[in-house]
Amino acid sequence: YRPGPMDNIPTYCRRKLGQEEPRYLHPGMAPYLSETHGIIVYQEQVMQVAQALSGYSLGEADLLRRAMGKKIKAEMDAQRDRFVKGAIANGIKPETASEIFDLLAKFADYGFNKSHAAAYAVVAFQTAYLKANYPVEFLAASMTLDMGNTDKLSEFRRDAERLGIKVLPPAINRSGVEFDVHEGAIHYALGAIKGVGRVAVESVVAARATGGPFRDLADFARRIDTKLVNRRTVEALIAAGALDALEPERARAMAAIDGMLALSNRTREAALGGQSELFGGGMVQEAFRIPPVEPWAPAERLKREHDAVGFFLSGHPLDDYEHVLKRLRVQRFADFAQTVRANGTGVAKVAVSVIDRSERRTKSGSKMGIVNLSDPSGQFEAILFSEALQRYRDLLEPGRALVLRLSAVLDGEDVRPRIEDVEVLDELAARQKQDLLVYLRDDKALASIAERVRPRGDGLKADGKIALVMILNDGAQEVEIELPGRYPVNQQIANAVRAAPGVVSVELR
């Protein structure tokens, strides 16, 4: 990105299309800038203008270009004096000469020479053509190129979302080592999951290619090579959701790892000893028992997914608060940032999930906080200074859902948000009357639900209704039953009910 020339792209386009006439600070600049519609683009143009308007020799003009690039004050002051004196000698007003020098200096630091710029322009046109005509393939290739850069992957994913392109979560029976395209969607690369290693996923993909899709966790365990696919690899695959097709409840899959690795080792040892042939494969067909385990709460599931992928892929911690956020009239950060870019500054209320927080000393010796935050539009950083940090430090913990009042200014091309005020989203939601709708397939979940919604004397107001929707006949029929009485209802209770065995889904309304 070249700030000098790039800032003038809109002006360049208008002039190229004949919508605006080129303007020159002095007519003597026109012969050298006419091909670029009055805008300095190339380093050679800086040198040519200096030669024509201030009488520089070719060697002097090159020294001017270098001085401007280095921005050493003593050299710049000497060059300004030389340039202005030469321009005055050619009949140019001193103030105009100084203005021209400033314009040249702005572009000399960032401009390319013409041959370099032409080569970059060819690449730019080629990539622009590919993105415009093959956007899915272009983004998949770009994501593969930056597979180890989480920030870039998150940016490409937001770009895909803006273009209406689906980025599907990693799937052990569909995803490849790299990002690929199928039926207009991008399939997340197994090799982009943190902690798996390329060699490990290459061996998994090779096993799938040889023996077909994996049927279940036991089949997966029998066919992987534990010399390449170790515990950490399997944990990362589960956390990222790559094994959901084999076991949709990730907590159960994680609890099965010991059994999976043991079965994998027995299978390999049997194969090495020829026992699979001798006993007709009976020895390696034995499965393993998964110990009973509580399902992960949605927040835990998403946190582990974020740790494995680097950003939220299958959902976002704020998704469950959608109805509350509408009432609170919060903005998405991406929309707020766009407003700041247009106006130079802005203030907004934004709902976020905290990723992490760090602190450091400023030059004055006071502490400042740097908080990595996420909302459904992506991740961003915000700062807060000593007084606000002291007031809100305990709230800015990883995993907390918050509503922030942000102020922001535009610094060059970057939006710099600052945290002014912090509120806990659950507390805001608790102030609003809410009802809970619970979908379940049978009555086995009732006891667990009753325990999770029972008032516990924790100060929560019991003013919400709870209705149960029984799904019967494979979804052909639904029966709704409203429970008598009133209950404390908020997002935390909804999440607890959702995690109860037998519950299909919940809705806050």
Protein backbone atom coordinates (compact mmCIF):
# COMPACT_ATOMS: atom_id res chain seq x y z
CA TYR A 1 0.00 0.00 0.00
CA ARG A 2 1.46 3.35 -1.08
CA PRO A 3 -0.28 6.20 0.83
CA GLY A 4 0.88 9.02 -1.45
CA PRO A 5 -0.29 7.86 -4.89
CA MET A 6 -3.12 5.67 -3.53
CA ASP A 7 -4.83 8.64 -1.88
CA ASN A 8 -5.43 10.08 -5.33
CA ILE A 9 -7.02 7.04 -6.98
CA PRO A 10 -10.56 8.56 -6.89
CA THR A 11 -9.26 11.82 -8.40
CA TYR A 12 -7.25 9.90 -11.02
CA CYS A 13 -10.33 7.90 -12.03
CA ARG A 14 -12.51 11.01 -12.37
CA ARG A 15 -9.91 12.72 -14.54
CA LYS A 16 -9.30 9.64 -16.68
CA LEU A 17 -13.06 9.39 -17.30
CA GLY A 18 -13.25 13.06 -18.24
CA GLN A 19 -15.36 13.97 -15.22
CA GLU A 20 -12.75 16.39 -13.87
CA GLU A 21 -10.07 18.52 -15.50
CA PRO A 22 -6.41 18.08 -14.45
CA ARG A 23 -5.04 20.95 -12.33
CA TYR A 24 -1.39 21.99 -12.05
CA LEU A 25 0.29 24.19 -9.46
CA HIS A 26 2.34 25.61 -12.35
CA PRO A 27 1.92 25.21 -16.14
CA GLY A 28 5.51 23.97 -16.38
CA MET A 29 4.46 20.74 -14.65
CA ALA A 30 1.95 19.79 -17.37
CA PRO A 31 4.36 18.17 -19.88
CA TYR A 32 5.54 15.70 -17.23
CA LEU A 33 2.25 14.97 -15.48
CA SER A 34 -0.22 14.96 -18.39
CA GLU A 35 0.10 11.18 -18.96
CA THR A 36 -1.07 10.62 -15.37
CA HIS A 37 -3.78 13.32 -15.52
CA GLY A 38 -1.93 15.86 -13.38
CA ILE A 39 -1.10 13.47 -10.53
CA ILE A 40 2.44 12.49 -9.58
CA VAL A 41 2.73 8.70 -9.79
CA TYR A 42 6.34 7.90 -10.76
CA GLN A 43 9.66 8.87 -9.18
CA GLU A 44 10.89 10.00 -12.60
CA GLN A 45 8.20 12.70 -12.60
CA VAL A 46 9.63 14.16 -9.38
CA MET A 47 13.05 14.39 -11.01
CA GLN A 48 11.70 15.85 -14.28
CA VAL A 49 9.72 18.59 -12.52
CA ALA A 50 12.80 19.54 -10.47
CA GLN A 51 14.89 19.76 -13.65
CA ALA A 52 12.32 21.81 -15.57
CA LEU A 53 11.18 24.21 -12.86
CA SER A 54 14.31 24.64 -10.72
CA GLY A 55 17.17 23.92 -13.10
CA TYR A 56 18.38 20.72 -11.44
CA SER A 57 20.86 18.58 -13.33
CA LEU A 58 20.00 14.88 -13.70
CA GLY A 59 22.45 14.01 -10.91
CA GLU A 60 21.04 16.71 -8.63
CA ALA A 61 17.49 15.52 -9.31
CA ASP A 62 18.45 12.00 -8.27
CA LEU A 63 19.98 13.34 -5.04
CA LEU A 64 16.71 15.23 -4.44
CA ARG A 65 14.74 12.00 -4.88
CA ARG A 66 16.98 10.17 -2.40
CA ALA A 67 16.81 12.99 0.16
CA MET A 68 13.03 13.02 -0.03
CA GLY A 69 12.93 9.27 0.43
CA LYS A 70 15.14 9.37 3.53
CA LYS A 71 13.38 12.45 4.98
CA ILE A 72 16.49 13.61 6.83
CA LYS A 73 15.61 17.11 8.02
CA ALA A 74 18.99 18.73 7.34
CA GLU A 75 19.06 17.37 3.78
CA MET A 76 15.42 18.31 3.18
CA ASP A 77 16.01 21.88 4.40
CA ALA A 78 19.01 22.22 2.07
CA GLN A 79 17.04 20.78 -0.87
CA ARG A 80 14.06 23.06 -0.20
CA ASP A 81 16.34 26.10 -0.24
CA ARG A 82 17.96 24.91 -3.49
CA PHE A 83 14.60 24.10 -5.13
CA VAL A 84 12.91 27.40 -4.19
CA LYS A 85 15.89 29.52 -5.30
CA GLY A 86 16.04 27.68 -8.63
CA ALA A 87 12.29 28.08 -9.16
CA ILE A 88 12.43 31.84 -8.35
CA ALA A 89 15.19 32.18 -10.92
CA ASN A 90 12.73 30.70 -13.45
CA GLY A 91 10.05 33.24 -12.56
CA ILE A 92 8.00 31.14 -10.12
CA LYS A 93 6.62 32.76 -6.94
CA PRO A 94 8.31 31.63 -3.69
CA GLU A 95 5.07 30.38 -2.11
CA THR A 96 4.21 28.38 -5.26
CA ALA A 97 7.71 26.91 -5.35
CA SER A 98 7.45 25.82 -1.71
CA GLU A 99 4.03 24.26 -2.37
CA ILE A 100 5.40 22.33 -5.34
CA PHE A 101 8.32 21.09 -3.22
CA ASP A 102 5.89 19.80 -0.56
CA LEU A 103 3.87 18.00 -3.25
CA LEU A 104 7.00 16.35 -4.67
CA ALA A 105 8.16 15.30 -1.19
CA LYS A 106 4.83 13.63 -0.44
CA PHE A 107 5.11 11.35 -3.45
CA ALA A 108 8.86 10.75 -3.60
CA ASP A 109 8.78 8.73 -0.38
CA TYR A 110 6.14 6.29 -1.61
CA GLY A 111 6.26 6.37 -5.40
CA PHE A 112 7.87 3.67 -7.54
CA ASN A 113 9.98 4.25 -10.58
CA LYS A 114 7.99 3.82 -13.80
CA SER A 115 9.23 0.35 -14.77
CA HIS A 116 8.58 -0.95 -11.27
CA ALA A 117 5.09 0.60 -11.23
CA ALA A 118 4.27 -0.93 -14.63
CA ALA A 119 5.19 -4.42 -13.41
CA TYR A 120 3.03 -3.98 -10.32
CA ALA A 121 0.17 -2.66 -12.45
CA VAL A 122 0.19 -5.85 -14.55
CA VAL A 123 -0.07 -7.98 -11.41
CA ALA A 124 -2.77 -5.69 -10.01
CA PHE A 125 -4.86 -5.96 -13.19
CA GLN A 126 -4.46 -9.74 -13.27
CA THR A 127 -5.50 -10.22 -9.64
CA ALA A 128 -8.37 -7.73 -10.01
CA TYR A 129 -9.63 -9.69 -13.03
CA LEU A 130 -9.43 -12.99 -11.13
CA LYS A 131 -11.21 -11.60 -8.08
CA ALA A 132 -13.94 -10.00 -10.20
CA ASN A 133 -14.58 -13.07 -12.36
CA TYR A 134 -13.57 -15.98 -10.10
CA PRO A 135 -14.10 -14.61 -6.57
CA VAL A 136 -14.55 -17.98 -4.82
CA GLU A 137 -11.43 -19.51 -6.34
CA PHE A 138 -9.47 -16.28 -5.82
CA LEU A 139 -10.31 -16.11 -2.12
CA ALA A 140 -9.63 -19.83 -1.60
CA ALA A 141 -6.20 -19.45 -3.22
CA SER A 142 -5.49 -16.31 -1.18
CA MET A 143 -6.41 -18.11 2.04
CA THR A 144 -4.13 -21.01 1.15
CA LEU A 145 -1.29 -18.56 0.47
CA ASP A 146 -1.73 -17.03 3.95
CA MET A 147 -2.73 -20.25 5.70
CA GLY A 148 -0.52 -19.53 8.72
CA ASN A 149 -1.69 -15.94 9.19
CA THR A 150 -4.86 -15.86 11.29
CA ASP A 151 -5.41 -12.12 10.81
CA LYS A 152 -5.31 -12.47 7.03
CA LEU A 153 -7.60 -15.52 7.09
CA SER A 154 -10.11 -13.59 9.18
CA GLU A 155 -9.93 -10.69 6.74
CA PHE A 156 -10.49 -12.98 3.74
CA ARG A 157 -13.41 -14.61 5.51
CA ARG A 158 -15.03 -11.18 6.07
CA ASP A 159 -14.45 -10.40 2.40
CA ALA A 160 -16.16 -13.66 1.45
CA GLU A 161 -19.10 -12.83 3.72
CA ARG A 162 -19.41 -9.40 2.09
CA LEU A 163 -19.51 -11.07 -1.34
CA GLY A 164 -22.07 -13.65 -0.22
CA ILE A 165 -19.57 -16.54 -0.41
CA LYS A 166 -19.89 -19.27 2.22
CA VAL A 167 -16.79 -20.38 4.12
CA LEU A 168 -17.70 -23.83 5.45
CA PRO A 169 -16.10 -25.15 8.66
CA PRO A 170 -13.41 -27.84 8.41
CA ALA A 171 -14.86 -31.32 7.84
CA ILE A 172 -12.77 -34.49 8.05
CA ASN A 173 -14.61 -36.16 5.15
CA ARG A 174 -14.59 -33.17 2.81
CA SER A 175 -11.82 -30.67 3.58
CA GLY A 176 -8.39 -30.93 2.03
CA VAL A 177 -4.99 -29.95 3.34
CA GLU A 178 -5.47 -26.55 1.69
CA PHE A 179 -8.54 -24.40 1.09
CA ASP A 180 -10.62 -25.62 -1.83
CA VAL A 181 -13.87 -24.86 -3.63
CA HIS A 182 -16.93 -27.05 -3.98
CA GLU A 183 -20.33 -25.99 -5.31
CA GLY A 184 -19.60 -22.29 -4.91
CA ALA A 185 -18.39 -22.48 -1.31
CA ILE A 186 -14.92 -22.41 0.26
CA HIS A 187 -14.10 -25.44 2.40
CA TYR A 188 -11.86 -24.60 5.32
CA ALA A 189 -8.42 -26.21 5.13
CA LEU A 190 -7.47 -28.88 7.65
CA GLY A 191 -3.93 -27.56 7.37
CA ALA A 192 -5.05 -24.13 8.62
CA ILE A 193 -6.17 -25.51 12.01
CA LYS A 194 -3.70 -24.49 14.69
CA GLY A 195 -1.61 -27.28 16.15
CA VAL A 196 -2.27 -29.99 13.57
CA GLY A 197 0.77 -29.79 11.32
CA ARG A 198 0.79 -30.25 7.56
CA VAL A 199 2.36 -33.72 7.59
CA ALA A 200 -0.32 -34.99 9.98
CA VAL A 201 -3.26 -33.75 7.91
CA GLU A 202 -1.64 -34.96 4.70
CA SER A 203 -1.60 -38.46 6.20
CA VAL A 204 -5.28 -38.15 7.23
CA VAL A 205 -6.32 -36.95 3.76
CA ALA A 206 -4.29 -39.78 2.19
CA ALA A 207 -6.05 -42.34 4.43
CA ARG A 208 -9.42 -40.93 3.36
CA ALA A 209 -8.44 -41.09 -0.30
CA THR A 210 -7.39 -44.73 0.09
CA GLY A 211 -10.19 -46.10 2.25
CA GLY A 212 -13.05 -43.70 1.61
CA PRO A 213 -14.84 -41.40 4.09
CA PHE A 214 -14.40 -42.12 7.79
CA ARG A 215 -17.55 -43.71 9.25
CA ASP A 216 -17.13 -42.90 12.95
CA LEU A 217 -14.48 -42.18 15.57
CA ALA A 218 -13.47 -45.84 15.77
CA ASP A 219 -12.98 -46.06 12.01
CA PHE A 220 -10.96 -42.84 12.11
CA ALA A 221 -8.81 -44.23 14.93
CA ARG A 222 -8.08 -47.49 13.09
CA ARG A 223 -6.94 -45.69 9.94
CA ILE A 224 -4.71 -42.91 11.30
CA ASP A 225 -1.00 -43.25 11.92
CA THR A 226 -0.30 -42.19 15.51
CA LYS A 227 3.34 -41.59 14.61
CA LEU A 228 2.07 -38.62 12.59
CA VAL A 229 -1.33 -37.89 14.14
CA ASN A 230 -0.80 -37.41 17.86
CA ARG A 231 -3.06 -36.38 20.73
CA ARG A 232 -2.57 -32.67 20.08
CA THR A 233 -3.59 -33.11 16.45
CA VAL A 234 -6.80 -34.95 17.36
CA GLU A 235 -7.65 -32.39 20.06
CA ALA A 236 -7.24 -29.55 17.57
CA LEU A 237 -9.37 -31.32 14.95
CA ILE A 238 -12.15 -31.86 17.50
CA ALA A 239 -12.01 -28.30 18.86
CA ALA A 240 -12.19 -26.87 15.34
CA GLY A 241 -15.25 -29.00 14.54
CA ALA A 242 -13.48 -31.09 11.91
CA LEU A 243 -14.74 -34.36 13.47
CA ASP A 244 -18.36 -33.21 13.93
CA ALA A 245 -19.52 -35.62 11.20
CA LEU A 246 -18.14 -38.54 13.24
CA GLU A 247 -19.35 -37.28 16.65
CA PRO A 248 -21.39 -34.05 16.75
CA GLU A 249 -20.95 -33.57 20.51
CA ARG A 250 -17.39 -32.31 20.78
CA ALA A 251 -17.15 -32.96 24.51
CA ARG A 252 -17.83 -36.67 23.84
CA ALA A 253 -15.26 -36.74 21.05
CA MET A 254 -12.67 -35.13 23.34
CA ALA A 255 -13.46 -37.69 26.06
CA ALA A 256 -12.90 -40.47 23.50
CA ILE A 257 -9.31 -39.50 22.65
CA ASP A 258 -7.64 -42.00 25.00
CA GLY A 259 -9.72 -44.83 23.56
CA MET A 260 -9.09 -43.64 19.99
CA LEU A 261 -5.32 -43.50 20.39
CA ALA A 262 -5.25 -46.88 22.14
CA LEU A 263 -7.31 -48.45 19.35
CA SER A 264 -5.08 -46.85 16.73
CA ASN A 265 -1.95 -48.27 18.39
CA ARG A 266 -3.51 -51.75 18.71
CA THR A 267 -4.48 -51.67 15.05
CA ARG A 268 -0.96 -50.72 13.99
CA GLU A 269 0.65 -53.36 16.22
CA ALA A 270 -1.74 -56.02 14.93
CA ALA A 271 -0.94 -55.09 11.35
CA LEU A 272 2.80 -55.23 12.02
CA GLY A 273 2.41 -58.65 13.65
CA GLY A 274 0.21 -60.01 10.89
CA GLN A 275 -2.59 -60.67 13.39
CA SER A 276 -5.22 -58.87 11.36
CA GLU A 277 -4.80 -61.51 8.65
CA LEU A 278 -4.45 -64.46 11.03
CA PHE A 279 -7.62 -63.70 12.99
CA GLY A 280 -9.62 -62.21 10.16
CA GLY A 281 -9.35 -58.70 11.55
CA GLY A 282 -11.34 -59.52 14.69
CA MET A 283 -8.77 -58.10 17.05
CA VAL A 284 -8.75 -54.64 15.48
CA GLN A 285 -12.50 -54.43 15.08
CA GLU A 286 -13.05 -53.92 18.80
CA ALA A 287 -14.24 -50.39 19.54
CA PHE A 288 -13.91 -48.36 22.73
CA ARG A 289 -16.21 -46.96 25.35
CA ILE A 290 -16.75 -43.19 25.64
CA PRO A 291 -17.09 -42.17 29.29
CA PRO A 292 -20.19 -40.12 30.23
CA VAL A 293 -19.51 -36.40 29.91
CA GLU A 294 -21.51 -33.17 30.08
CA PRO A 295 -21.85 -31.37 26.72
CA TRP A 296 -19.88 -28.16 26.39
CA ALA A 297 -21.86 -24.98 26.88
CA PRO A 298 -22.08 -22.93 23.65
CA ALA A 299 -19.56 -20.40 24.98
CA GLU A 300 -17.04 -23.16 25.78
CA ARG A 301 -17.55 -24.78 22.37
CA LEU A 302 -16.93 -21.46 20.60
CA LYS A 303 -13.93 -20.58 22.77
CA ARG A 304 -12.22 -23.87 21.94
CA GLU A 305 -13.08 -23.39 18.28
CA HIS A 306 -11.56 -19.90 18.38
CA ASP A 307 -8.39 -21.28 19.96
CA ALA A 308 -8.10 -23.90 17.19
CA VAL A 309 -9.03 -21.74 14.20
CA GLY A 310 -7.98 -18.27 15.32
CA PHE A 311 -11.42 -16.69 14.94
CA PHE A 312 -15.06 -17.66 15.37
CA LEU A 313 -16.13 -19.74 12.37
CA SER A 314 -19.29 -21.74 13.04
CA GLY A 315 -20.91 -19.02 15.12
CA HIS A 316 -20.17 -16.15 17.48
CA PRO A 317 -20.66 -15.78 21.26
CA LEU A 318 -22.96 -12.82 20.60
CA ASP A 319 -25.32 -14.80 18.36
CA ASP A 320 -27.40 -15.84 21.37
CA TYR A 321 -27.90 -12.19 22.32
CA GLU A 322 -29.33 -11.12 18.96
CA HIS A 323 -32.76 -10.20 20.31
CA VAL A 324 -31.22 -8.20 23.19
CA LEU A 325 -28.77 -6.38 20.92
CA LYS A 326 -31.60 -5.20 18.69
CA ARG A 327 -33.26 -3.60 21.69
CA LEU A 328 -29.99 -2.03 22.83
CA ARG A 329 -29.41 -0.55 19.35
CA VAL A 330 -25.73 -1.46 19.18
CA GLN A 331 -23.63 -1.17 16.02
CA ARG A 332 -21.36 -3.72 14.40
CA PHE A 333 -17.77 -2.52 14.64
CA ALA A 334 -17.25 -2.79 10.87
CA ASP A 335 -20.16 -0.39 10.30
CA PHE A 336 -18.83 1.99 12.95
CA ALA A 337 -15.35 1.90 11.38
CA GLN A 338 -16.85 2.79 8.01
CA THR A 339 -18.52 5.84 9.57
CA VAL A 340 -15.22 6.91 11.15
CA ARG A 341 -13.44 6.58 7.80
CA ALA A 342 -16.05 8.82 6.23
CA ASN A 343 -16.14 11.46 8.99
CA GLY A 344 -12.70 11.22 10.58
CA THR A 345 -14.13 10.56 14.04
CA GLY A 346 -17.11 8.95 15.76
CA VAL A 347 -18.73 7.53 18.88
CA ALA A 348 -20.77 4.30 19.03
CA LYS A 349 -22.14 1.58 21.27
CA VAL A 350 -20.70 -1.82 20.24
CA ALA A 351 -21.33 -5.30 21.67
CA VAL A 352 -18.20 -7.46 21.89
CA SER A 353 -16.70 -10.65 23.20
CA VAL A 354 -13.29 -10.18 24.86
CA ILE A 355 -10.49 -12.27 23.34
CA ASP A 356 -7.60 -11.10 25.51
CA ARG A 357 -6.15 -8.05 27.27
CA SER A 358 -2.62 -6.79 27.78
CA GLU A 359 -1.18 -3.78 29.60
CA ARG A 360 1.88 -1.61 29.14
CA ARG A 361 3.43 1.62 30.35
CA THR A 362 3.03 4.84 28.40
CA LYS A 363 5.85 7.38 28.02
CA SER A 364 4.43 9.27 31.00
CA GLY A 365 4.70 6.13 33.15
CA SER A 366 0.96 5.48 33.49
CA LYS A 367 -0.64 2.20 32.44
CA MET A 368 -2.73 1.67 29.33
CA GLY A 369 -4.72 -1.38 28.27
CA ILE A 370 -4.85 -2.98 24.83
CA VAL A 371 -7.90 -5.22 24.42
CA ASN A 372 -8.41 -7.69 21.58
CA LEU A 373 -12.15 -7.83 20.88
CA SER A 374 -14.53 -9.62 18.54
CA ASP A 375 -18.01 -9.03 17.22
CA PRO A 376 -19.85 -10.75 14.34
CA SER A 377 -18.13 -8.43 11.85
CA GLY A 378 -14.60 -9.45 12.90
CA GLN A 379 -11.82 -8.81 15.41
CA PHE A 380 -10.30 -5.48 16.37
CA GLU A 381 -8.17 -3.84 19.05
CA ALA A 382 -9.20 -1.00 21.34
CA ILE A 383 -7.22 0.90 23.95
CA LEU A 384 -8.10 2.45 27.27
CA PHE A 385 -5.98 4.69 29.43
CA SER A 386 -5.10 4.62 33.11
CA GLU A 387 -8.32 5.85 34.73
CA ALA A 388 -10.63 3.76 32.53
CA LEU A 389 -8.32 0.74 32.84
CA GLN A 390 -8.46 0.92 36.63
CA ARG A 391 -12.26 1.23 36.55
CA TYR A 392 -12.98 -1.57 34.04
CA ARG A 393 -10.00 -3.96 34.32
CA ASP A 394 -11.99 -6.68 36.13
CA LEU A 395 -14.69 -6.64 33.43
CA LEU A 396 -12.30 -6.97 30.50
CA GLU A 397 -11.63 -10.67 30.99
CA PRO A 398 -11.42 -13.18 28.10
CA GLY A 399 -14.81 -14.64 27.24
CA ARG A 400 -16.87 -11.79 28.72
CA ALA A 401 -19.73 -10.43 26.62
CA LEU A 402 -19.80 -6.65 26.99
CA VAL A 403 -21.34 -3.51 25.57
CA LEU A 404 -18.74 -0.78 25.05
CA ARG A 405 -19.05 2.90 24.33
CA LEU A 406 -16.24 3.56 21.89
CA SER A 407 -14.78 6.77 20.56
CA ALA A 408 -12.55 6.58 17.52
CA VAL A 409 -10.43 8.75 15.26
CA LEU A 410 -9.01 8.10 11.82
CA ASP A 411 -5.21 7.88 11.85
CA GLY A 412 -4.13 7.70 8.21
CA GLU A 413 -6.02 4.64 6.99
CA ASP A 414 -6.41 3.12 10.46
CA VAL A 415 -9.40 3.49 12.77
CA ARG A 416 -8.16 3.89 16.37
CA PRO A 417 -10.94 2.96 18.84
CA ARG A 418 -10.79 3.91 22.49
CA ILE A 419 -12.94 2.41 25.27
CA GLU A 420 -14.87 5.06 27.17
CA ASP A 421 -17.45 2.98 29.05
CA VAL A 422 -18.09 -0.74 29.74
CA GLU A 423 -21.29 -2.59 30.64
CA VAL A 424 -21.83 -6.33 31.12
CA LEU A 425 -24.20 -7.66 28.46
CA ASP A 426 -25.76 -10.28 30.75
CA GLU A 427 -26.65 -7.56 33.25
CA LEU A 428 -28.24 -5.43 30.54
CA ALA A 429 -30.17 -8.46 29.29
CA ALA A 430 -31.33 -9.31 32.83
CA ARG A 431 -33.01 -5.91 33.12
CA GLN A 432 -35.26 -6.78 30.22
CA LYS A 433 -38.20 -9.14 30.66
CA GLN A 434 -37.53 -12.32 28.68
CA ASP A 435 -39.29 -15.61 28.02
CA LEU A 436 -37.68 -18.94 27.15
CA LEU A 437 -38.83 -21.44 24.53
CA VAL A 438 -37.27 -24.92 24.82
CA TYR A 439 -37.46 -27.50 22.01
CA LEU A 440 -36.98 -31.15 23.02
CA ARG A 441 -37.60 -34.57 21.50
CA ASP A 442 -38.79 -36.45 24.62
CA ASP A 443 -39.54 -35.95 28.30
CA LYS A 444 -36.22 -37.36 29.52
CA ALA A 445 -34.77 -33.84 29.66
CA LEU A 446 -37.46 -32.46 31.99
CA ALA A 447 -35.69 -33.19 35.29
CA SER A 448 -32.45 -31.66 34.04
CA ILE A 449 -34.29 -28.58 32.73
CA ALA A 450 -36.15 -28.13 36.03
CA GLU A 451 -32.87 -28.18 37.94
CA ARG A 452 -31.29 -25.59 35.64
CA VAL A 453 -34.15 -23.06 35.84
CA ARG A 454 -34.82 -23.47 39.57
CA PRO A 455 -34.55 -20.09 41.43
CA ARG A 456 -31.33 -20.10 43.48
CA GLY A 457 -31.66 -16.95 45.57
CA ASP A 458 -29.00 -15.16 43.52
CA GLY A 459 -31.00 -11.98 43.08
CA LEU A 460 -32.31 -12.75 39.60
CA LYS A 461 -35.87 -11.59 39.16
CA ALA A 462 -38.27 -14.48 38.46
CA ASP A 463 -40.57 -12.80 35.94
CA GLY A 464 -40.07 -14.87 32.77
CA LYS A 465 -42.23 -17.56 31.23
CA ILE A 466 -40.89 -20.93 30.07
CA ALA A 467 -42.60 -22.98 27.38
CA LEU A 468 -41.60 -26.49 26.28
CA VAL A 469 -42.09 -27.58 22.68
CA MET A 470 -42.17 -31.37 22.23
CA ILE A 471 -41.12 -32.47 18.73
CA LEU A 472 -43.08 -35.59 17.78
CA ASN A 473 -43.28 -37.97 14.82
CA ASP A 474 -39.86 -37.04 13.43
CA GLY A 475 -40.72 -33.36 13.36
CA ALA A 476 -44.14 -33.71 11.78
CA GLN A 477 -45.86 -32.50 14.95
CA GLU A 478 -45.06 -30.01 17.71
CA VAL A 479 -46.84 -29.66 21.05
CA GLU A 480 -46.23 -26.54 23.15
CA ILE A 481 -46.72 -26.62 26.93
CA GLU A 482 -46.26 -23.52 29.09
CA LEU A 483 -44.87 -24.26 32.54
CA PRO A 484 -46.82 -22.77 35.46
CA GLY A 485 -45.28 -19.93 37.45
CA ARG A 486 -42.50 -17.46 36.63
CA TYR A 487 -38.77 -18.10 36.35
CA PRO A 488 -35.49 -16.18 36.22
CA VAL A 489 -34.65 -16.06 32.51
CA ASN A 490 -31.44 -14.70 31.02
CA GLN A 491 -28.76 -15.73 28.53
CA GLN A 492 -26.77 -17.77 31.04
CA ILE A 493 -29.83 -19.82 32.01
CA ALA A 494 -30.70 -20.27 28.32
CA ASN A 495 -27.17 -21.57 27.68
CA ALA A 496 -27.44 -23.96 30.64
CA VAL A 497 -30.78 -25.32 29.38
CA ARG A 498 -29.39 -25.68 25.85
CA ALA A 499 -26.61 -27.90 27.22
CA ALA A 500 -29.09 -30.27 28.91
CA PRO A 501 -29.17 -33.75 27.30
CA GLY A 502 -32.23 -34.14 25.07
CA VAL A 503 -32.69 -30.42 24.34
CA VAL A 504 -32.71 -29.65 20.62
CA SER A 505 -32.58 -25.85 20.83
CA VAL A 506 -33.72 -22.85 22.87
CA GLU A 507 -35.01 -19.39 21.99
CA LEU A 508 -35.13 -16.24 24.07
CA ARG A 509 -37.99 -13.94 23.20
